[in-house]
Amino acid sequence: MKGEAVVVVQDARNFQQMLNRLEQLKKELNQLKLKSLQQEIQKGIACYAAIASD
């Protein structure tokens, strides 16, 4: 029984570490999406400015 409990605790720790890593990856992905969106908006603004100045 003692050996099984240790396995469960280790699995719980590993699972929590996996959840923490997943949360960090979600944050990183959201930052990348935001950066990409900001770049696309800037491109759109620049394109509109070029068209409007013609």
Protein backbone atom coordinates (compact mmCIF):
# COMPACT_ATOMS: atom_id res chain seq x y z
CA MET A 1 0.00 0.00 0.00
CA LYS A 2 2.77 2.45 0.86
CA GLY A 3 4.39 2.04 -2.53
CA GLU A 4 1.11 2.72 -4.32
CA ALA A 5 0.52 5.94 -2.36
CA VAL A 6 3.94 7.22 -3.39
CA VAL A 7 3.10 6.56 -7.02
CA VAL A 8 -0.16 8.48 -6.70
CA VAL A 9 1.62 11.46 -5.11
CA GLN A 10 4.25 11.44 -7.84
CA ASP A 11 1.56 11.22 -10.49
CA ALA A 12 -0.29 14.11 -8.87
CA ARG A 13 2.89 16.20 -8.86
CA ASN A 14 3.58 15.36 -12.49
CA PHE A 15 0.01 16.15 -13.41
CA GLN A 16 0.19 19.51 -11.63
CA GLN A 17 3.48 20.30 -13.37
CA MET A 18 1.86 19.44 -16.69
CA LEU A 19 -1.09 21.72 -15.90
CA ASN A 20 1.27 24.53 -14.92
CA ARG A 21 3.21 24.12 -18.15
CA LEU A 22 0.01 24.08 -20.16
CA GLU A 23 -1.12 27.32 -18.51
CA GLN A 24 2.25 28.92 -19.30
CA LEU A 25 1.99 27.79 -22.93
CA LYS A 26 -1.50 29.28 -23.16
CA LYS A 27 -0.16 32.61 -21.91
CA GLU A 28 2.72 32.51 -24.39
CA LEU A 29 0.35 31.65 -27.24
CA ASN A 30 -1.96 34.53 -26.32
CA GLN A 31 1.02 36.91 -26.28
CA LEU A 32 2.10 35.70 -29.71
CA LYS A 33 -1.44 36.09 -31.05
CA LEU A 34 -1.64 39.62 -29.67
CA LYS A 35 1.72 40.56 -31.17
CA SER A 36 0.70 39.14 -34.53
CA LEU A 37 -2.63 40.98 -34.44
CA GLN A 38 -0.89 44.24 -33.58
CA GLN A 39 1.49 43.75 -36.52
CA GLU A 40 -1.39 43.05 -38.88
CA ILE A 41 -3.21 46.17 -37.66
CA GLN A 42 -0.10 48.25 -38.27
CA LYS A 43 0.17 46.81 -41.80
CA GLY A 44 -3.47 47.71 -42.41
CA ILE A 45 -2.94 51.24 -41.14
CA ALA A 46 0.13 51.66 -43.34
CA CYS A 47 -1.74 50.30 -46.37
CA TYR A 48 -4.70 52.60 -45.73
CA ALA A 49 -2.36 55.58 -45.30
CA ALA A 50 -0.66 54.77 -48.62
CA ILE A 51 -3.98 54.50 -50.42
CA ALA A 52 -5.39 57.65 -48.80
CA SER A 53 -2.33 59.71 -49.79
CA ASP A 54 -2.75 58.86 -53.51
